Protein backbone atom coordinates (compact mmCIF):
# COMPACT_ATOMS: atom_id res chain seq x y z
CA MET A 1 76.17 -87.99 43.59
CA ILE A 2 76.57 -88.11 39.81
CA ALA A 3 72.81 -88.41 39.32
CA ILE A 4 72.04 -85.53 41.68
CA GLY A 5 74.66 -83.29 40.09
CA GLY A 6 73.56 -84.38 36.62
CA ALA A 7 69.93 -83.53 37.27
CA LEU A 8 70.83 -80.10 38.62
CA GLY A 9 73.29 -79.45 35.77
CA ALA A 10 70.76 -80.39 33.10
CA ILE A 11 68.16 -78.07 34.62
CA ALA A 12 70.73 -75.27 34.91
CA ARG A 13 71.75 -75.76 31.27
CA TYR A 14 68.17 -75.39 30.08
CA LEU A 15 67.44 -72.36 32.25
CA VAL A 16 70.65 -70.48 31.43
CA ALA A 17 70.51 -71.18 27.69
CA ALA A 18 66.81 -70.28 27.47
CA MET A 19 67.27 -67.08 29.49
CA ILE A 20 70.15 -65.90 27.31
CA GLN A 21 68.60 -66.92 24.00
CA ALA A 22 65.36 -65.13 24.86
CA ARG A 23 67.26 -61.85 25.26
CA VAL A 24 69.35 -61.84 22.07
CA PRO A 25 68.49 -61.89 18.38
CA ALA A 26 68.13 -65.22 16.66
CA GLY A 27 70.77 -66.39 14.21
CA PHE A 28 73.61 -67.38 16.56
CA PRO A 29 73.20 -69.93 19.35
CA TRP A 30 74.25 -67.51 22.12
CA GLY A 31 72.56 -69.56 24.83
CA THR A 32 74.55 -72.69 24.05
CA PHE A 33 77.70 -70.67 23.42
CA TRP A 34 77.57 -69.08 26.88
CA VAL A 35 76.66 -72.38 28.54
CA ASN A 36 79.77 -73.92 26.96
CA VAL A 37 82.01 -71.00 27.92
CA SER A 38 80.67 -70.73 31.47
CA GLY A 39 80.88 -74.52 31.86
CA SER A 40 84.53 -74.38 30.84
CA LEU A 41 85.14 -71.64 33.41
CA LEU A 42 83.39 -73.71 36.07
CA MET A 43 85.33 -76.85 35.12
CA GLY A 44 88.67 -75.06 35.33
CA ALA A 45 87.85 -73.57 38.72
CA ALA A 46 86.25 -76.73 40.15
CA MET A 47 89.01 -79.09 39.05
CA THR A 48 91.73 -76.75 40.32
CA LEU A 49 90.02 -76.29 43.67
CA LEU A 50 89.17 -79.96 44.09
CA THR A 51 92.56 -81.31 43.02
CA GLU A 52 95.04 -78.62 44.06
CA ARG A 53 93.59 -76.27 46.64
CA LEU A 54 91.07 -78.01 48.88
CA VAL A 55 91.17 -81.21 50.87
CA THR A 56 87.73 -82.61 50.19
CA ASN A 57 85.81 -85.82 50.18
CA PRO A 58 86.20 -87.51 46.74
CA GLN A 59 82.40 -87.47 46.42
CA TRP A 60 82.60 -83.76 45.55
CA ARG A 61 84.31 -84.70 42.27
CA PHE A 62 81.35 -86.93 41.42
CA LEU A 63 78.82 -84.25 42.34
CA ILE A 64 80.39 -81.13 40.82
CA PRO A 65 82.66 -81.74 37.79
CA ILE A 66 81.30 -85.12 36.69
CA GLY A 67 77.63 -84.69 37.60
CA PHE A 68 76.72 -81.01 37.56
CA ILE A 69 79.23 -79.57 35.10
CA GLY A 70 79.16 -82.72 32.95
CA ALA A 71 75.41 -82.39 32.49
CA TYR A 72 75.58 -78.61 32.23
CA THR A 73 77.96 -78.97 29.29
CA THR A 74 80.17 -81.76 28.01
CA PHE A 75 82.14 -79.07 26.21
CA SER A 76 83.81 -78.25 29.52
CA THR A 77 85.08 -81.82 29.80
CA PHE A 78 86.47 -81.58 26.28
CA GLU A 79 88.23 -78.33 27.20
CA TRP A 80 89.67 -79.85 30.40
CA GLU A 81 91.01 -82.90 28.58
CA LEU A 82 92.50 -80.70 25.87
CA PHE A 83 94.13 -78.45 28.46
CA SER A 84 95.49 -81.47 30.36
CA ALA A 85 97.10 -82.92 27.24
CA ASN A 86 98.73 -79.60 26.40
CA ALA A 87 99.83 -78.99 30.01
CA GLU A 88 101.58 -82.38 29.96
CA GLY A 89 103.41 -81.34 26.79
CA ALA A 90 101.42 -83.68 24.56
CA TRP A 91 100.88 -80.98 21.93
CA LEU A 92 100.30 -83.42 19.08
CA THR A 93 97.72 -85.29 21.14
CA GLY A 94 96.05 -82.00 22.08
CA ALA A 95 95.98 -80.73 18.50
CA SER A 96 94.72 -84.07 17.21
CA TYR A 97 92.03 -84.15 19.88
CA LEU A 98 90.96 -80.58 19.10
CA VAL A 99 90.78 -80.94 15.33
CA GLY A 100 89.57 -84.54 15.44
CA SER A 101 86.77 -83.82 17.90
CA VAL A 102 85.46 -80.83 15.98
CA VAL A 103 85.73 -82.44 12.54
CA ALA A 104 84.59 -85.94 13.58
CA GLY A 105 81.79 -84.48 15.69
CA TYR A 106 80.55 -82.36 12.81
CA VAL A 107 80.75 -85.25 10.34
CA ALA A 108 78.98 -87.57 12.81
CA LEU A 109 76.24 -84.98 13.32
CA TRP A 110 75.84 -84.61 9.57
CA LEU A 111 75.72 -88.41 9.08
CA GLY A 112 73.15 -88.69 11.87
CA ILE A 113 70.96 -86.13 10.10
CA LEU A 114 71.31 -87.98 6.81
CA LEU A 115 70.52 -91.30 8.49
CA ALA A 116 67.47 -89.93 10.27
CA ARG A 117 66.20 -88.30 7.09
CA SER A 118 66.59 -91.52 5.12
CA VAL A 119 64.31 -93.52 7.44
């Protein structure tokens, strides 16, 4: 279920991002931006429906949020985990996760570029 959802999510990510980016001026990654925002919307709706509203087979969680949305954008998973920490009152954990993920992710990306360029 994860593999099926993941394959469909990866294809959807490419198609949506390419379609949007082709229609807007270059300079800002609008395609990726909207994939991340729409993935966050999908994650919020899917997790709420699958955990609070609907009685479903657990396989749907593997197919939709983990497989499809996870491959569509991992940003949505980040947003869900951040929301969950804050909803549980773990504000320090949420803030640390937010700032740490953005800063550490950016630094790691930068280091990866430097490493690749040094080879």
